[in-house]
Every structure is written in C-alpha cells, then in structure tokens.
Amino acid sequence: MQKMSTTNVTCRSKLGDVLLGNGSEVILNGSFRDAVSHPVYTQWFELVIPIISFLGILGNILNLIVLTRQRILSSMDRLERSATYGLAALALSDMMFCVAVFPHAFTYQDRHYSIDGDRLFDLYYRVYGIAMINLFLMTSTWLIVVLAVSRYMVVVYPLKARYTVTVAKTTSTIVLTYAGSLIMSLPHFLHLRITACSGIEGHSVQEIRGIADRTMQHHLTFYIKWIWPVFADFVPLLILVFCNTRLACELRQARMFRRSSSCHVRNNQDRHDRVTLTLVIIILMLLVFVSPSEIIRYVNPYGSWGYVGYVVASVTNVLQALNFAINFALYCAVNRHFRQAMCDILCRCTHKGSRLNGDQFENSPINGKPLRQKSVVLANKKGNSPTMSCGESFL
C-alpha cells in the first residue's frame, strides 16, 4: 500500500463519505481517518455490523422462501396475496441492503492512501458499494410506504380497496418503486470516479476523485446532502407516521369488534388484523431504528462530540443495519402461521424421502395444506356447515 502524493490528497479533501448507507456522513476534513482507526469504530463496524448483516441475509432468504411458496399463496384471498407480494419485495430489498453492507468491515477505508491492484475490490466498493447501500435503503423505505398506504386503503376504505388494491397493481407499484429508487439514487453512483495517477516514487496507482466538472460536482453533492434525504427519508417518514397512527387506531377498534363477532367473521378479521399488526411493527421499527441515523448524519459527531460522538454514531449505524435484518424474527414472533410454514419447510428438508399415510399424513403440520381446508374437513365430519369454520390462512 503506497501513500498518495500531497497534491492528490488535497484535491479530494472536500469530498463526502458515508460510513453506513446514509447514516453518518463524514466530510473528509481529517475526521474520517480518525474515525476508521478509532477503537469504537473497529468494534462496531468490524464485528457487530457484519454479524447482523450475515444474519439478515439468511433471515431474508428464509422470508423469500416462505412468502413465495405457491401452496401458501394459493390459500390467500386477493388482498392477502397483494400484501404478501409486498412483503416478499421488501425481503429482497432488505437482503440486498445486508449484502451491500457486509463487505464494509473488510475493505480498506482510509482514502488518503492509494489502492493498488490487490485492493481493486476495495476501490470499487468505496465508489459503488456505498451507493448500493443508499439505493436499497431508499427502496426498502418506499416499499414500506407502499405497504402502509395499501393497508390504509384496506382498513379505512375497504370498498374502494377491492378495486384499487389488486395483485397486478401491487406488482406494478413494486416495479415502479425499484425503478424510481434507482433513478433517484443515480447521483450516488455518478459523483465519484476512479482515475489513474502517479503516486510517490513514480508508481502508477488508482484513486477516487470527484468528477472533472466542478459545477456538476457541486450540484451532485448538494443533491446528495440535501435533496435526496428529503425524498429518501423525511417524506416517507411523514407518510408512515400518519398511516401508522391511523392503522394502530383501527387495529384497536378491530380487536374490540372481534370480541363480539361470530366465529366466521372473527376468523376473517383475525387474518386481516395479523397483516395490519405486522405492518404496524415494521413501520415502528423503521421509525425507531433508522430515524436516529438520518438525524445524526447532519451533526457529524466525530469532530464535535469526541468519544461520545463515536459511540452515538456507531450505535445508530448498528440500529440501522438491524432494521433490515430483523423482519424474520418479527414474522416468527407475531405470526404463528409463518412459524408453521417455516417448520413445514424444515420438516420436509429433514425428513425428505419419508412418508406418512392415512390420518397421520392428513393431520400432520408438514402436509402443507392450508389450515382453513383442514378445519372445513373437521367441520363436515361433525355435520356442521363449512361457513362456520374457524380455520385460518397463512396471514
């Protein structure tokens, strides 16, 4: 690793950098080099965040496996299927965020040094890896907004929701969310460039610089620091606060109604309440885990708060990473049918090739049939009407 010339260091001294996504932006005035060498940074960024990211990758893969099972989707009505598609898209975006964050702890971070041929991955990760983190940060946030608004329509305007919330429209909205987030995040990919230059002793090296057009560089930097956060953070957070408040109130009223309703009506209400409760918790986690890091990035605590600033910035970045890795635990905690589907998958993998027959197979949890069908069979055996079934679908 060869040190760069003083001229090259000077030309890059005012470029911005991001430690984790959009969480803690550091203007390179000398504080970034101190931050990456600080013991607090080492402990949190080289140990805690990689573990969280790795668990997040595994958890979101399991989320995708469960949420996209055809047997589960076939047992849902149209509104449930639309919500499940949204959750699957969110799991994909969260997984990609964790994938983009994971190499951060293993890459060379001091931009005051050149990166030779052995550090090419570090070089390109410094330019495009952080941009990928911001891309999927914005994508996940707006996917939650899409889910929240759709759920708001279902709960507050159920008649209109039957026409506006469809599987086709949900799928189109998800695609547009991914595309729109990519377009809005393009400046993160464009404001830096990799150039070849001469280091000390005449060695040819590659380094990270701003784009050659100074005016364009100024506009891109202004956009990244002030305009992008408005659309990526503050506008969606305001929408989510409104939707979550209304959904929480409706959920409370639904629970009161459920206590006095018939079995069949209570079953339908239970299914929709579980979707609403899951989404309310997802929104709360986004507000609690992501909002502090978005506020801290404007404070730059490294230079003004001393040791406390390193601790605060590290904790907020860990919370931000945790937000994208914890949904699997959330689904397991609040939805017993998600747990049953997960056990179904594990049982099929563990007992592959084994067979059950007769009533043992029909009544076993690895049968894979929706519990709703099983309840109807039991009701028919007793001579009751299937419409009184209290069985429940996946959601």
Protein backbone atom coordinates (compact mmCIF):
# COMPACT_ATOMS: atom_id res chain seq x y z
CA MET A 1 0.00 0.00 0.00
CA GLN A 2 1.61 3.24 -1.11
CA LYS A 3 0.85 6.65 0.19
CA MET A 4 -0.51 9.18 -2.28
CA SER A 5 1.09 12.43 -3.12
CA THR A 6 0.12 15.58 -1.22
CA THR A 7 -1.48 17.04 -4.33
CA ASN A 8 -3.86 14.13 -4.71
CA VAL A 9 -4.85 14.28 -1.06
CA THR A 10 -5.61 17.98 -1.35
CA CYS A 11 -7.84 17.57 -4.37
CA ARG A 12 -10.02 15.08 -2.52
CA SER A 13 -10.16 16.73 0.87
CA LYS A 14 -13.66 18.12 0.48
CA LEU A 15 -15.40 15.02 -0.85
CA GLY A 16 -18.06 13.42 1.32
CA ASP A 17 -18.22 9.86 2.52
CA VAL A 18 -20.77 7.65 4.19
CA LEU A 19 -19.95 5.11 6.86
CA LEU A 20 -23.09 3.05 6.59
CA GLY A 21 -25.67 3.88 3.97
CA ASN A 22 -26.97 7.37 4.61
CA GLY A 23 -26.40 7.01 8.32
CA SER A 24 -23.30 9.04 9.25
CA GLU A 25 -21.91 11.27 6.54
CA VAL A 26 -18.40 12.49 7.23
CA ILE A 27 -16.85 15.36 5.30
CA LEU A 28 -13.22 14.44 4.75
CA ASN A 29 -11.58 17.13 6.83
CA GLY A 30 -9.36 14.70 8.68
CA SER A 31 -12.10 13.23 10.90
CA PHE A 32 -12.78 10.22 8.69
CA ARG A 33 -9.26 8.82 9.02
CA ASP A 34 -9.53 9.25 12.78
CA ALA A 35 -12.95 7.59 12.79
CA VAL A 36 -11.93 4.40 10.98
CA SER A 37 -8.94 3.94 13.29
CA HIS A 38 -10.90 4.61 16.47
CA PRO A 39 -11.46 1.55 18.74
CA VAL A 40 -15.22 2.15 18.84
CA TYR A 41 -15.39 2.10 15.05
CA THR A 42 -13.34 -1.11 14.95
CA GLN A 43 -15.53 -2.90 17.49
CA TRP A 44 -18.86 -1.97 15.95
CA PHE A 45 -18.08 -1.92 12.23
CA GLU A 46 -15.72 -4.87 12.08
CA LEU A 47 -17.62 -7.18 14.42
CA VAL A 48 -21.23 -6.25 15.23
CA ILE A 49 -22.44 -5.00 11.84
CA PRO A 50 -21.01 -7.93 9.81
CA ILE A 51 -22.75 -10.38 12.17
CA ILE A 52 -26.05 -8.51 11.84
CA SER A 53 -25.66 -8.34 8.06
CA PHE A 54 -24.91 -12.06 7.77
CA LEU A 55 -27.93 -12.98 9.89
CA GLY A 56 -30.01 -10.53 7.87
CA ILE A 57 -29.02 -12.22 4.61
CA LEU A 58 -30.02 -15.64 5.96
CA GLY A 59 -33.23 -14.35 7.53
CA ASN A 60 -34.39 -12.55 4.39
CA ILE A 61 -33.62 -15.60 2.25
CA LEU A 62 -35.90 -17.61 4.54
CA ASN A 63 -38.51 -14.85 4.29
CA LEU A 64 -38.44 -15.11 0.49
CA ILE A 65 -38.73 -18.90 0.60
CA VAL A 66 -41.76 -18.82 2.88
CA LEU A 67 -43.52 -15.81 1.34
CA THR A 68 -43.24 -17.08 -2.24
CA ARG A 69 -44.43 -20.65 -1.68
CA GLN A 70 -47.17 -21.35 -4.19
CA ARG A 71 -49.07 -23.51 -1.73
CA ILE A 72 -49.28 -20.61 0.68
CA LEU A 73 -50.19 -18.02 -1.95
CA SER A 74 -52.99 -20.22 -3.32
CA SER A 75 -54.71 -20.26 0.08
CA MET A 76 -54.96 -16.45 0.28
CA ASP A 77 -57.54 -14.03 -0.96
CA ARG A 78 -56.61 -11.17 -3.27
CA LEU A 79 -55.85 -8.62 -0.55
CA GLU A 80 -53.71 -11.05 1.42
CA ARG A 81 -51.80 -12.05 -1.70
CA SER A 82 -51.10 -8.41 -2.55
CA ALA A 83 -49.71 -7.79 0.94
CA THR A 84 -47.56 -10.92 0.72
CA TYR A 85 -46.07 -9.80 -2.60
CA GLY A 86 -45.15 -6.51 -0.95
CA LEU A 87 -43.51 -8.29 1.98
CA ALA A 88 -41.56 -10.51 -0.43
CA ALA A 89 -40.32 -7.45 -2.35
CA LEU A 90 -39.32 -5.87 0.96
CA ALA A 91 -37.41 -9.03 1.96
CA LEU A 92 -35.49 -8.90 -1.34
CA SER A 93 -34.54 -5.26 -0.86
CA ASP A 94 -33.56 -5.81 2.79
CA MET A 95 -31.42 -8.77 1.77
CA MET A 96 -29.61 -6.70 -0.87
CA PHE A 97 -29.01 -3.96 1.71
CA CYS A 98 -27.37 -6.52 4.02
CA VAL A 99 -25.31 -7.89 1.10
CA ALA A 100 -24.10 -4.37 0.29
CA VAL A 101 -23.24 -3.60 3.93
CA PHE A 102 -21.44 -6.86 4.73
CA PRO A 103 -18.12 -6.12 2.88
CA HIS A 104 -17.83 -2.74 4.60
CA ALA A 105 -15.92 -4.21 7.55
CA PHE A 106 -13.39 -5.97 5.32
CA THR A 107 -12.47 -3.18 2.92
CA TYR A 108 -9.70 -0.64 3.18
CA GLN A 109 -11.23 2.64 4.31
CA ASP A 110 -8.55 5.35 4.51
CA ARG A 111 -9.00 7.45 1.39
CA HIS A 112 -5.74 9.29 1.99
CA TYR A 113 -3.92 6.24 0.58
CA SER A 114 -3.92 4.84 -2.91
CA ILE A 115 -5.28 1.38 -3.64
CA ASP A 116 -3.07 -0.90 -5.70
CA GLY A 117 -4.01 -3.96 -7.77
CA ASP A 118 -4.53 -6.12 -4.69
CA ARG A 119 -7.18 -3.71 -3.44
CA LEU A 120 -9.33 -3.36 -6.55
CA PHE A 121 -12.44 -4.66 -4.81
CA ASP A 122 -11.91 -2.14 -2.01
CA LEU A 123 -11.52 0.60 -4.59
CA TYR A 124 -14.75 -0.16 -6.43
CA TYR A 125 -16.65 -0.84 -3.21
CA ARG A 126 -15.69 2.62 -1.95
CA VAL A 127 -17.22 4.13 -5.08
CA TYR A 128 -20.23 1.92 -5.79
CA GLY A 129 -20.82 -0.11 -2.61
CA ILE A 130 -21.96 2.89 -0.60
CA ALA A 131 -24.21 3.90 -3.50
CA MET A 132 -25.79 0.42 -3.43
CA ILE A 133 -26.45 0.78 0.30
CA ASN A 134 -28.25 4.07 -0.29
CA LEU A 135 -30.20 2.58 -3.19
CA PHE A 136 -31.65 -0.28 -1.15
CA LEU A 137 -32.15 1.96 1.86
CA MET A 138 -34.45 4.11 -0.25
CA THR A 139 -36.09 1.09 -1.92
CA SER A 140 -36.97 -0.60 1.37
CA THR A 141 -38.31 2.64 2.83
CA TRP A 142 -40.64 3.29 -0.10
CA LEU A 143 -41.76 -0.34 -0.24
CA ILE A 144 -42.90 0.03 3.36
CA VAL A 145 -44.72 3.21 2.30
CA VAL A 146 -46.45 1.25 -0.48
CA LEU A 147 -47.50 -1.44 2.01
CA ALA A 148 -48.67 1.15 4.53
CA VAL A 149 -50.77 3.10 2.04
CA SER A 150 -52.29 -0.11 0.64
CA ARG A 151 -53.12 -1.32 4.13
CA TYR A 152 -54.55 2.09 4.97
CA MET A 153 -56.88 1.78 2.00
CA VAL A 154 -57.93 -1.74 3.02
CA VAL A 155 -58.65 -0.75 6.61
CA VAL A 156 -60.15 2.72 6.20
CA TYR A 157 -61.77 2.41 2.76
CA PRO A 158 -62.48 -1.33 2.35
CA LEU A 159 -64.93 -0.91 -0.54
CA LYS A 160 -62.53 1.19 -2.60
CA ALA A 161 -59.69 -1.16 -1.75
CA ARG A 162 -61.43 -4.02 -3.55
CA TYR A 163 -60.91 -2.12 -6.80
CA THR A 164 -57.66 -0.25 -6.11
CA VAL A 165 -55.62 -2.89 -4.24
CA THR A 166 -55.08 -5.74 -6.68
CA VAL A 167 -52.25 -8.16 -7.29
CA ALA A 168 -51.49 -6.63 -10.70
CA LYS A 169 -51.42 -3.07 -9.36
CA THR A 170 -49.32 -4.10 -6.37
CA THR A 171 -46.80 -5.81 -8.65
CA SER A 172 -46.64 -2.75 -10.92
CA THR A 173 -46.16 -0.46 -7.93
CA ILE A 174 -43.31 -2.63 -6.63
CA VAL A 175 -41.55 -2.50 -10.01
CA LEU A 176 -42.01 1.28 -10.16
CA THR A 177 -40.64 1.62 -6.62
CA TYR A 178 -37.47 -0.24 -7.54
CA ALA A 179 -37.07 1.75 -10.76
CA GLY A 180 -37.81 5.10 -9.10
CA SER A 181 -35.35 4.42 -6.28
CA LEU A 182 -32.65 3.58 -8.82
CA ILE A 183 -33.25 6.81 -10.72
CA MET A 184 -33.27 8.91 -7.54
CA SER A 185 -30.05 7.24 -6.35
CA LEU A 186 -28.09 7.68 -9.58
CA PRO A 187 -26.12 10.71 -8.26
CA HIS A 188 -24.60 8.41 -5.63
CA PHE A 189 -23.14 6.35 -8.47
CA LEU A 190 -22.01 9.36 -10.52
CA HIS A 191 -20.45 11.87 -8.14
CA LEU A 192 -17.17 9.92 -7.77
CA ARG A 193 -14.83 8.43 -10.36
CA ILE A 194 -11.78 6.17 -10.41
CA THR A 195 -8.73 7.67 -12.12
CA ALA A 196 -5.16 6.54 -12.71
CA CYS A 197 -2.41 8.76 -11.38
CA SER A 198 1.20 8.66 -10.22
CA GLY A 199 1.99 8.06 -6.58
CA ILE A 200 5.27 8.55 -4.83
CA GLU A 201 8.38 7.13 -6.49
CA GLY A 202 6.59 7.20 -9.86
CA HIS A 203 4.37 4.17 -9.27
CA SER A 204 1.10 4.13 -11.21
CA VAL A 205 -1.90 3.87 -8.88
CA GLN A 206 -5.66 4.33 -8.98
CA GLU A 207 -7.58 6.66 -6.74
CA ILE A 208 -11.04 8.04 -6.07
CA ARG A 209 -11.77 11.58 -7.18
CA GLY A 210 -14.77 13.73 -7.82
CA ILE A 211 -15.99 14.15 -11.38
CA ALA A 212 -13.99 16.54 -13.52
CA ASP A 213 -16.81 19.08 -13.99
CA ARG A 214 -16.67 21.18 -10.82
CA THR A 215 -20.11 22.69 -11.37
CA MET A 216 -21.68 19.28 -11.83
CA GLN A 217 -19.78 18.03 -8.78
CA HIS A 218 -21.24 20.86 -6.72
CA HIS A 219 -24.78 20.10 -7.91
CA LEU A 220 -24.43 16.38 -7.24
CA THR A 221 -23.01 16.97 -3.77
CA PHE A 222 -25.84 19.38 -2.96
CA TYR A 223 -28.39 16.86 -4.21
CA ILE A 224 -26.90 14.00 -2.17
CA LYS A 225 -26.69 16.01 1.03
CA TRP A 226 -29.96 17.95 0.97
CA ILE A 227 -32.42 16.87 -1.75
CA TRP A 228 -32.02 13.07 -1.73
CA PRO A 229 -32.66 12.75 2.04
CA VAL A 230 -35.94 14.62 1.64
CA PHE A 231 -37.31 12.02 -0.79
CA ALA A 232 -35.50 9.04 0.72
CA ASP A 233 -36.12 9.78 4.39
CA PHE A 234 -38.28 12.66 5.51
CA VAL A 235 -41.23 12.50 3.09
CA PRO A 236 -41.73 8.73 3.51
CA LEU A 237 -41.30 9.02 7.28
CA LEU A 238 -44.08 11.62 7.47
CA ILE A 239 -46.37 9.38 5.41
CA LEU A 240 -45.54 6.41 7.61
CA VAL A 241 -46.23 8.32 10.82
CA PHE A 242 -49.69 9.26 9.53
CA CYS A 243 -50.53 5.78 8.24
CA ASN A 244 -49.19 4.02 11.30
CA THR A 245 -51.17 6.19 13.68
CA ARG A 246 -54.37 5.51 11.78
CA LEU A 247 -53.66 1.79 11.42
CA ALA A 248 -52.95 1.44 15.14
CA CYS A 249 -56.29 3.10 15.97
CA GLU A 250 -58.15 0.88 13.52
CA LEU A 251 -56.40 -2.20 14.90
CA ARG A 252 -57.57 -1.33 18.40
CA GLN A 253 -61.15 -0.87 17.22
CA ALA A 254 -60.99 -4.14 15.28
CA ARG A 255 -59.98 -6.04 18.40
CA MET A 256 -62.96 -4.64 20.27
CA PHE A 257 -65.26 -5.64 17.40
CA ARG A 258 -63.76 -9.11 17.19
CA ARG A 259 -64.76 -9.96 20.75
CA SER A 260 -68.46 -9.66 19.93
CA SER A 261 -68.44 -11.16 16.41
CA SER A 262 -69.29 -14.66 15.19
CA CYS A 263 -66.65 -17.31 14.59
CA HIS A 264 -66.55 -16.90 10.79
CA VAL A 265 -66.42 -13.09 10.93
CA ARG A 266 -63.84 -13.24 13.70
CA ASN A 267 -61.68 -15.55 11.58
CA ASN A 268 -61.64 -13.11 8.65
CA GLN A 269 -60.97 -10.22 11.00
CA ASP A 270 -58.11 -12.13 12.67
CA ARG A 271 -56.37 -12.67 9.34
CA HIS A 272 -56.52 -9.01 8.39
CA ASP A 273 -55.52 -7.92 11.89
CA ARG A 274 -52.37 -10.02 11.69
CA VAL A 275 -51.37 -8.31 8.45
CA THR A 276 -52.06 -4.89 9.98
CA LEU A 277 -50.20 -5.70 13.20
CA THR A 278 -47.16 -6.95 11.27
CA LEU A 279 -47.05 -3.80 9.18
CA VAL A 280 -47.51 -1.52 12.20
CA ILE A 281 -44.49 -3.13 13.88
CA ILE A 282 -42.41 -2.90 10.68
CA ILE A 283 -43.15 0.82 10.46
CA LEU A 284 -42.35 1.35 14.15
CA MET A 285 -39.00 -0.39 13.71
CA LEU A 286 -38.19 1.82 10.72
CA LEU A 287 -39.03 4.95 12.71
CA VAL A 288 -37.05 3.86 15.78
CA PHE A 289 -34.04 2.22 14.13
CA VAL A 290 -33.47 4.35 11.02
CA SER A 291 -34.56 7.87 12.03
CA PRO A 292 -31.73 8.46 14.58
CA SER A 293 -29.04 7.70 12.00
CA GLU A 294 -30.66 10.05 9.49
CA ILE A 295 -30.57 12.85 12.06
CA ILE A 296 -27.01 12.12 13.20
CA ARG A 297 -25.63 12.43 9.66
CA TYR A 298 -26.25 16.21 9.79
CA VAL A 299 -24.50 16.61 13.13
CA ASN A 300 -21.16 14.97 12.23
CA PRO A 301 -20.49 13.90 15.85
CA TYR A 302 -16.93 12.71 15.17
CA GLY A 303 -15.46 16.18 15.26
CA SER A 304 -17.73 17.86 17.82
CA TRP A 305 -18.71 15.23 20.42
CA GLY A 306 -15.41 13.44 20.92
CA TYR A 307 -15.61 9.88 22.22
CA VAL A 308 -19.36 10.17 22.77
CA GLY A 309 -19.77 11.03 19.11
CA TYR A 310 -18.08 7.78 18.03
CA VAL A 311 -20.33 5.78 20.33
CA VAL A 312 -23.53 7.52 19.22
CA ALA A 313 -22.71 7.22 15.51
CA SER A 314 -21.75 3.56 15.89
CA VAL A 315 -24.93 2.69 17.79
CA THR A 316 -27.19 4.45 15.28
CA ASN A 317 -25.47 2.67 12.40
CA VAL A 318 -25.93 -0.69 14.13
CA LEU A 319 -29.62 0.10 14.68
CA GLN A 320 -29.96 1.00 11.02
CA ALA A 321 -28.42 -2.32 9.97
CA LEU A 322 -30.62 -4.17 12.47
CA ASN A 323 -33.75 -2.73 10.89
CA PHE A 324 -33.01 -4.59 7.65
CA ALA A 325 -32.15 -7.88 9.35
CA ILE A 326 -34.86 -8.36 11.96
CA ASN A 327 -38.02 -8.98 9.92
CA PHE A 328 -37.60 -12.76 10.00
CA ALA A 329 -37.65 -12.70 13.81
CA LEU A 330 -40.64 -10.36 13.69
CA TYR A 331 -42.67 -12.66 11.43
CA CYS A 332 -41.86 -15.65 13.65
CA ALA A 333 -42.84 -13.73 16.78
CA VAL A 334 -46.21 -12.31 15.67
CA ASN A 335 -47.44 -14.86 13.13
CA ARG A 336 -47.82 -18.48 14.16
CA HIS A 337 -48.72 -19.48 10.60
CA PHE A 338 -45.35 -18.15 9.42
CA ARG A 339 -43.75 -20.35 12.08
CA GLN A 340 -45.80 -23.32 10.90
CA ALA A 341 -44.78 -22.72 7.29
CA MET A 342 -41.15 -22.46 8.41
CA CYS A 343 -41.48 -25.73 10.33
CA ASP A 344 -43.08 -27.27 7.24
CA ILE A 345 -40.02 -26.38 5.17
CA LEU A 346 -37.60 -27.59 7.83
CA CYS A 347 -39.51 -30.86 8.27
CA ARG A 348 -39.50 -31.51 4.53
CA CYS A 349 -35.76 -30.89 4.41
CA THR A 350 -35.10 -33.03 7.48
CA HIS A 351 -37.42 -35.88 6.64
CA LYS A 352 -37.01 -35.86 2.87
CA GLY A 353 -37.98 -39.18 1.42
CA SER A 354 -40.02 -40.28 4.45
CA ARG A 355 -43.75 -40.85 4.00
CA LEU A 356 -46.76 -40.56 6.22
CA ASN A 357 -50.06 -42.23 5.37
CA GLY A 358 -53.70 -42.14 6.35
CA ASP A 359 -54.91 -39.77 9.02
CA GLN A 360 -51.36 -39.23 10.26
CA PHE A 361 -50.46 -37.52 6.96
CA GLU A 362 -53.78 -35.71 6.67
CA ASN A 363 -53.47 -34.13 10.10
CA SER A 364 -49.71 -33.54 10.20
CA PRO A 365 -48.25 -29.98 10.03
CA ILE A 366 -45.94 -30.98 7.19
CA ASN A 367 -48.91 -31.81 4.99
CA GLY A 368 -48.68 -28.29 3.66
CA LYS A 369 -52.43 -27.88 3.20
CA PRO A 370 -53.91 -24.62 4.45
CA LEU A 371 -55.36 -24.89 7.93
CA ARG A 372 -58.57 -23.48 6.53
CA GLN A 373 -59.15 -26.64 4.47
CA LYS A 374 -58.37 -28.87 7.40
CA SER A 375 -60.90 -27.05 9.57
CA VAL A 376 -63.59 -27.42 6.93
CA VAL A 377 -62.96 -31.19 6.77
CA LEU A 378 -63.33 -31.45 10.52
CA ALA A 379 -66.49 -29.39 10.45
CA ASN A 380 -68.01 -31.60 7.76
CA LYS A 381 -67.21 -34.73 9.74
CA LYS A 382 -69.25 -33.28 12.60
CA GLY A 383 -72.09 -32.34 10.30
CA ASN A 384 -71.63 -28.61 10.69
CA SER A 385 -71.73 -26.01 7.96
CA PRO A 386 -68.31 -25.17 6.42
CA THR A 387 -69.16 -21.47 6.71
CA MET A 388 -68.69 -21.71 10.46
CA SER A 389 -65.08 -22.86 10.13
CA CYS A 390 -62.63 -21.10 12.41
CA GLY A 391 -59.58 -22.17 10.39
CA GLU A 392 -57.01 -19.59 9.44
CA SER A 393 -54.87 -18.98 6.40
CA PHE A 394 -51.16 -18.16 6.37
CA LEU A 395 -51.56 -14.43 7.02
